[in-house]
């Protein structure tokens, strides 16, 4: 069951990456919408990871 979930997530990620490349090359309008959602999700995850690192380091300046 967990394997099916992980494969589903992998398919969504790969599909999102394909849409980003396709939209950059001038694909249909729906690929631009999926690409924007994919890029937005990546930014959210990146900011979440940064906040998690700050919490682990004690909230101070960690020298990045």
PDB file of N, CA and C in Angstrom:
ATOM      1  N   UNK A   1       0.828  -1.205   0.000  1.00  0.00           N
ATOM      2  CA  UNK A   1       0.000   0.000   0.000  1.00  0.00           C
ATOM      3  C   UNK A   1       0.867   1.262   0.000  1.00  0.00           C
ATOM      4  N   UNK A   2       1.887   1.291   0.866  1.00  0.00           N
ATOM      5  CA  UNK A   2       2.752   2.470   0.917  1.00  0.00           C
ATOM      6  C   UNK A   2       3.547   2.598  -0.383  1.00  0.00           C
ATOM      7  N   UNK A   3       3.873   1.457  -1.000  1.00  0.00           N
ATOM      8  CA  UNK A   3       4.587   1.492  -2.276  1.00  0.00           C
ATOM      9  C   UNK A   3       3.766   2.142  -3.367  1.00  0.00           C
ATOM     10  N   UNK A   4       2.472   1.850  -3.392  1.00  0.00           N
ATOM     11  CA  UNK A   4       1.580   2.450  -4.381  1.00  0.00           C
ATOM     12  C   UNK A   4       1.510   3.962  -4.178  1.00  0.00           C
ATOM     13  N   UNK A   5       1.462   4.386  -2.929  1.00  0.00           N
ATOM     14  CA  UNK A   5       1.434   5.821  -2.617  1.00  0.00           C
ATOM     15  C   UNK A   5       2.717   6.504  -3.083  1.00  0.00           C
ATOM     16  N   UNK A   6       3.858   5.878  -2.813  1.00  0.00           N
ATOM     17  CA  UNK A   6       5.131   6.460  -3.234  1.00  0.00           C
ATOM     18  C   UNK A   6       5.260   6.518  -4.752  1.00  0.00           C
ATOM     19  N   UNK A   7       4.789   5.497  -5.432  1.00  0.00           N
ATOM     20  CA  UNK A   7       4.815   5.512  -6.902  1.00  0.00           C
ATOM     21  C   UNK A   7       3.909   6.618  -7.428  1.00  0.00           C
ATOM     22  N   UNK A   8       2.748   6.800  -6.804  1.00  0.00           N
ATOM     23  CA  UNK A   8       1.842   7.876  -7.211  1.00  0.00           C
ATOM     24  C   UNK A   8       2.472   9.249  -7.038  1.00  0.00           C
ATOM     25  N   UNK A   9       3.160   9.452  -5.925  1.00  0.00           N
ATOM     26  CA  UNK A   9       3.847  10.725  -5.689  1.00  0.00           C
ATOM     27  C   UNK A   9       4.953  10.924  -6.713  1.00  0.00           C
ATOM     28  N   UNK A  10       5.688   9.858  -7.008  1.00  0.00           N
ATOM     29  CA  UNK A  10       6.759   9.951  -8.002  1.00  0.00           C
ATOM     30  C   UNK A  10       6.206  10.317  -9.375  1.00  0.00           C
ATOM     31  N   UNK A  11       5.076   9.728  -9.755  1.00  0.00           N
ATOM     32  CA  UNK A  11       4.451  10.046 -11.042  1.00  0.00           C
ATOM     33  C   UNK A  11       4.032  11.516 -11.084  1.00  0.00           C
ATOM     34  N   UNK A  12       3.473  12.023  -9.994  1.00  0.00           N
ATOM     35  CA  UNK A  12       3.082  13.436  -9.953  1.00  0.00           C
ATOM     36  C   UNK A  12       4.296  14.362 -10.074  1.00  0.00           C
ATOM     37  N   UNK A  13       5.378  14.026  -9.399  1.00  0.00           N
ATOM     38  CA  UNK A  13       6.582  14.858  -9.456  1.00  0.00           C
ATOM     39  C   UNK A  13       7.177  14.860 -10.863  1.00  0.00           C
ATOM     40  N   UNK A  14       7.300  13.682 -11.442  1.00  0.00           N
ATOM     41  CA  UNK A  14       7.867  13.596 -12.796  1.00  0.00           C
ATOM     42  C   UNK A  14       6.955  14.311 -13.797  1.00  0.00           C
ATOM     43  N   UNK A  15       5.649  14.132 -13.657  1.00  0.00           N
ATOM     44  CA  UNK A  15       4.713  14.830 -14.535  1.00  0.00           C
ATOM     45  C   UNK A  15       4.811  16.339 -14.398  1.00  0.00           C
ATOM     46  N   UNK A  16       4.978  16.810 -13.169  1.00  0.00           N
ATOM     47  CA  UNK A  16       5.145  18.247 -12.953  1.00  0.00           C
ATOM     48  C   UNK A  16       6.407  18.774 -13.602  1.00  0.00           C
ATOM     49  N   UNK A  17       7.494  18.015 -13.487  1.00  0.00           N
ATOM     50  CA  UNK A  17       8.756  18.434 -14.114  1.00  0.00           C
ATOM     51  C   UNK A  17       8.637  18.462 -15.635  1.00  0.00           C
ATOM     52  N   UNK A  18       7.956  17.479 -16.192  1.00  0.00           N
ATOM     53  CA  UNK A  18       7.742  17.450 -17.643  1.00  0.00           C
ATOM     54  C   UNK A  18       6.934  18.677 -18.071  1.00  0.00           C
ATOM     55  N   UNK A  19       5.926  19.027 -17.293  1.00  0.00           N
ATOM     56  CA  UNK A  19       5.115  20.197 -17.644  1.00  0.00           C
ATOM     57  C   UNK A  19       5.913  21.492 -17.549  1.00  0.00           C
ATOM     58  N   UNK A  20       6.841  21.575 -16.591  1.00  0.00           N
ATOM     59  CA  UNK A  20       7.683  22.771 -16.487  1.00  0.00           C
ATOM     60  C   UNK A  20       8.523  22.929 -17.750  1.00  0.00           C
ATOM     61  N   UNK A  21       9.128  21.850 -18.202  1.00  0.00           N
ATOM     62  CA  UNK A  21       9.958  21.910 -19.414  1.00  0.00           C
ATOM     63  C   UNK A  21       9.100  22.201 -20.636  1.00  0.00           C
ATOM     64  N   UNK A  22       7.954  21.525 -20.732  1.00  0.00           N
ATOM     65  CA  UNK A  22       7.075  21.702 -21.883  1.00  0.00           C
ATOM     66  C   UNK A  22       6.534  23.129 -21.936  1.00  0.00           C
ATOM     67  N   UNK A  23       6.142  23.676 -20.788  1.00  0.00           N
ATOM     68  CA  UNK A  23       5.620  25.049 -20.755  1.00  0.00           C
ATOM     69  C   UNK A  23       6.704  26.048 -21.131  1.00  0.00           C
ATOM     70  N   UNK A  24       7.945  25.770 -20.727  1.00  0.00           N
ATOM     71  CA  UNK A  24       9.051  26.663 -21.071  1.00  0.00           C
ATOM     72  C   UNK A  24       9.286  26.696 -22.573  1.00  0.00           C
ATOM     73  N   UNK A  25       8.967  25.595 -23.241  1.00  0.00           N
ATOM     74  CA  UNK A  25       9.141  25.518 -24.692  1.00  0.00           C
ATOM     75  C   UNK A  25       7.891  25.949 -25.450  1.00  0.00           C
ATOM     76  N   UNK A  26       6.902  26.501 -24.733  1.00  0.00           N
ATOM     77  CA  UNK A  26       5.727  27.041 -25.405  1.00  0.00           C
ATOM     78  C   UNK A  26       4.585  26.062 -25.547  1.00  0.00           C
ATOM     79  N   UNK A  27       4.380  25.223 -24.564  1.00  0.00           N
ATOM     80  CA  UNK A  27       3.307  24.241 -24.618  1.00  0.00           C
ATOM     81  C   UNK A  27       1.935  24.874 -24.442  1.00  0.00           C
ATOM     82  N   UNK A  28       0.916  24.037 -24.391  1.00  0.00           N
ATOM     83  CA  UNK A  28      -0.448  24.543 -24.228  1.00  0.00           C
ATOM     84  C   UNK A  28      -0.647  25.241 -22.877  1.00  0.00           C
ATOM     85  N   UNK A  29      -1.752  25.942 -22.759  1.00  0.00           N
ATOM     86  CA  UNK A  29      -2.031  26.740 -21.567  1.00  0.00           C
ATOM     87  C   UNK A  29      -2.086  25.882 -20.300  1.00  0.00           C
ATOM     88  N   UNK A  30      -2.641  24.663 -20.391  1.00  0.00           N
ATOM     89  CA  UNK A  30      -2.768  23.840 -19.195  1.00  0.00           C
ATOM     90  C   UNK A  30      -1.403  23.420 -18.651  1.00  0.00           C
ATOM     91  N   UNK A  31      -0.391  23.300 -19.545  1.00  0.00           N
ATOM     92  CA  UNK A  31       0.940  22.950 -19.044  1.00  0.00           C
ATOM     93  C   UNK A  31       1.541  24.111 -18.257  1.00  0.00           C
ATOM     94  N   UNK A  32       1.202  25.324 -18.654  1.00  0.00           N
ATOM     95  CA  UNK A  32       1.695  26.487 -17.908  1.00  0.00           C
ATOM     96  C   UNK A  32       1.085  26.539 -16.523  1.00  0.00           C
ATOM     97  N   UNK A  33      -0.181  26.149 -16.409  1.00  0.00           N
ATOM     98  CA  UNK A  33      -0.839  26.122 -15.091  1.00  0.00           C
ATOM     99  C   UNK A  33      -0.230  25.045 -14.200  1.00  0.00           C
ATOM    100  N   UNK A  34       0.011  23.871 -14.762  1.00  0.00           N
ATOM    101  CA  UNK A  34       0.626  22.790 -13.979  1.00  0.00           C
ATOM    102  C   UNK A  34       2.057  23.162 -13.613  1.00  0.00           C
ATOM    103  N   UNK A  35       2.780  23.785 -14.530  1.00  0.00           N
ATOM    104  CA  UNK A  35       4.150  24.211 -14.251  1.00  0.00           C
ATOM    105  C   UNK A  35       4.182  25.244 -13.124  1.00  0.00           C
ATOM    106  N   UNK A  36       3.250  26.185 -13.146  1.00  0.00           N
ATOM    107  CA  UNK A  36       3.196  27.193 -12.084  1.00  0.00           C
ATOM    108  C   UNK A  36       2.902  26.542 -10.731  1.00  0.00           C
ATOM    109  N   UNK A  37       2.002  25.566 -10.721  1.00  0.00           N
ATOM    110  CA  UNK A  37       1.698  24.856  -9.480  1.00  0.00           C
ATOM    111  C   UNK A  37       2.903  24.064  -8.987  1.00  0.00           C
ATOM    112  N   UNK A  38       3.628  23.449  -9.903  1.00  0.00           N
ATOM    113  CA  UNK A  38       4.813  22.670  -9.541  1.00  0.00           C
ATOM    114  C   UNK A  38       5.897  23.566  -8.961  1.00  0.00           C
ATOM    115  N   UNK A  39       6.143  24.692  -9.608  1.00  0.00           N
ATOM    116  CA  UNK A  39       7.161  25.620  -9.123  1.00  0.00           C
ATOM    117  C   UNK A  39       6.740  26.204  -7.772  1.00  0.00           C
ATOM    118  N   UNK A  40       5.461  26.522  -7.630  1.00  0.00           N
ATOM    119  CA  UNK A  40       4.971  27.029  -6.350  1.00  0.00           C
ATOM    120  C   UNK A  40       5.122  26.016  -5.231  1.00  0.00           C
ATOM    121  N   UNK A  41       4.818  24.749  -5.515  1.00  0.00           N
ATOM    122  CA  UNK A  41       4.975  23.695  -4.504  1.00  0.00           C
ATOM    123  C   UNK A  41       6.441  23.539  -4.119  1.00  0.00           C
ATOM    124  N   UNK A  42       7.327  23.652  -5.088  1.00  0.00           N
ATOM    125  CA  UNK A  42       8.760  23.572  -4.790  1.00  0.00           C
ATOM    126  C   UNK A  42       9.218  24.701  -3.892  1.00  0.00           C
ATOM    127  N   UNK A  43       8.710  25.896  -4.134  1.00  0.00           N
ATOM    128  CA  UNK A  43       9.079  27.043  -3.284  1.00  0.00           C
ATOM    129  C   UNK A  43       8.558  26.868  -1.867  1.00  0.00           C
ATOM    130  N   UNK A  44       7.333  26.360  -1.735  1.00  0.00           N
ATOM    131  CA  UNK A  44       6.764  26.122  -0.405  1.00  0.00           C
ATOM    132  C   UNK A  44       7.592  25.091   0.344  1.00  0.00           C
ATOM    133  N   UNK A  45       7.945  23.998  -0.320  1.00  0.00           N
ATOM    134  CA  UNK A  45       8.753  22.969   0.319  1.00  0.00           C
ATOM    135  C   UNK A  45      10.129  23.493   0.709  1.00  0.00           C
ATOM    136  N   UNK A  46      10.717  24.311  -0.129  1.00  0.00           N
ATOM    137  CA  UNK A  46      12.035  24.871   0.173  1.00  0.00           C
ATOM    138  C   UNK A  46      11.977  25.775   1.395  1.00  0.00           C
ATOM    139  N   UNK A  47      10.958  26.622   1.486  1.00  0.00           N
ATOM    140  CA  UNK A  47      10.849  27.508   2.645  1.00  0.00           C
ATOM    141  C   UNK A  47      10.540  26.711   3.915  1.00  0.00           C
ATOM    142  N   UNK A  48       9.768  25.635   3.777  1.00  0.00           N
ATOM    143  CA  UNK A  48       9.492  24.771   4.928  1.00  0.00           C
ATOM    144  C   UNK A  48      10.773  24.111   5.421  1.00  0.00           C
ATOM    145  N   UNK A  49      11.611  23.640   4.509  1.00  0.00           N
ATOM    146  CA  UNK A  49      12.861  23.014   4.896  1.00  0.00           C
ATOM    147  C   UNK A  49      13.785  24.013   5.585  1.00  0.00           C
ATOM    148  N   UNK A  50      13.812  25.249   5.100  1.00  0.00           N
ATOM    149  CA  UNK A  50      14.644  26.274   5.730  1.00  0.00           C
ATOM    150  C   UNK A  50      14.165  26.558   7.148  1.00  0.00           C
ATOM    151  N   UNK A  51      12.845  26.620   7.334  1.00  0.00           N
ATOM    152  CA  UNK A  51      12.328  26.884   8.678  1.00  0.00           C
ATOM    153  C   UNK A  51      12.617  25.724   9.609  1.00  0.00           C
ATOM    154  N   UNK A  52      12.585  24.491   9.091  1.00  0.00           N
ATOM    155  CA  UNK A  52      12.909  23.324   9.912  1.00  0.00           C
ATOM    156  C   UNK A  52      14.376  23.345  10.325  1.00  0.00           C
ATOM    157  N   UNK A  53      15.256  23.767   9.435  1.00  0.00           N
ATOM    158  CA  UNK A  53      16.686  23.852   9.776  1.00  0.00           C
ATOM    159  C   UNK A  53      16.926  24.922  10.835  1.00  0.00           C
ATOM    160  N   UNK A  54      16.180  26.025  10.755  1.00  0.00           N
ATOM    161  CA  UNK A  54      16.326  27.073  11.759  1.00  0.00           C
ATOM    162  C   UNK A  54      15.890  26.580  13.125  1.00  0.00           C
ATOM    163  N   UNK A  55      14.806  25.803  13.163  1.00  0.00           N
ATOM    164  CA  UNK A  55      14.320  25.270  14.438  1.00  0.00           C
ATOM    165  C   UNK A  55      15.319  24.304  15.047  1.00  0.00           C
ATOM    166  N   UNK A  56      15.931  23.466  14.230  1.00  0.00           N
ATOM    167  CA  UNK A  56      16.901  22.485  14.723  1.00  0.00           C
ATOM    168  C   UNK A  56      18.154  23.183  15.227  1.00  0.00           C
ATOM    169  N   UNK A  57      18.561  24.260  14.558  1.00  0.00           N
ATOM    170  CA  UNK A  57      19.788  24.953  14.967  1.00  0.00           C
ATOM    171  C   UNK A  57      19.561  25.884  16.142  1.00  0.00           C
ATOM    172  N   UNK A  58      18.371  25.988  16.635  1.00  0.00           N
ATOM    173  CA  UNK A  58      18.102  26.806  17.808  1.00  0.00           C
ATOM    174  C   UNK A  58      17.591  28.197  17.511  1.00  0.00           C
ATOM    175  N   UNK A  59      17.281  28.466  16.268  1.00  0.00           N
ATOM    176  CA  UNK A  59      16.680  29.743  15.917  1.00  0.00           C
ATOM    177  C   UNK A  59      17.674  30.861  15.695  1.00  0.00           C
ATOM    178  N   UNK A  60      18.951  30.626  15.921  1.00  0.00           N
ATOM    179  CA  UNK A  60      19.954  31.661  15.739  1.00  0.00           C
ATOM    180  C   UNK A  60      20.414  31.722  14.295  1.00  0.00           C
ATOM    181  N   UNK A  61      21.379  32.585  14.041  1.00  0.00           N
ATOM    182  CA  UNK A  61      21.970  32.686  12.714  1.00  0.00           C
ATOM    183  C   UNK A  61      22.891  31.503  12.537  1.00  0.00           C
ATOM    184  N   UNK A  62      22.680  30.738  11.463  1.00  0.00           N
ATOM    185  CA  UNK A  62      23.465  29.523  11.286  1.00  0.00           C
ATOM    186  C   UNK A  62      24.574  29.676  10.255  1.00  0.00           C
ATOM    187  N   UNK A  63      24.813  30.872   9.750  1.00  0.00           N
ATOM    188  CA  UNK A  63      25.941  31.106   8.873  1.00  0.00           C
ATOM    189  C   UNK A  63      25.744  30.734   7.427  1.00  0.00           C
ATOM    190  N   UNK A  64      24.509  30.578   6.978  1.00  0.00           N
ATOM    191  CA  UNK A  64      24.260  30.272   5.558  1.00  0.00           C
ATOM    192  C   UNK A  64      24.513  31.445   4.692  1.00  0.00           C
TER     193      UNK A  64
END
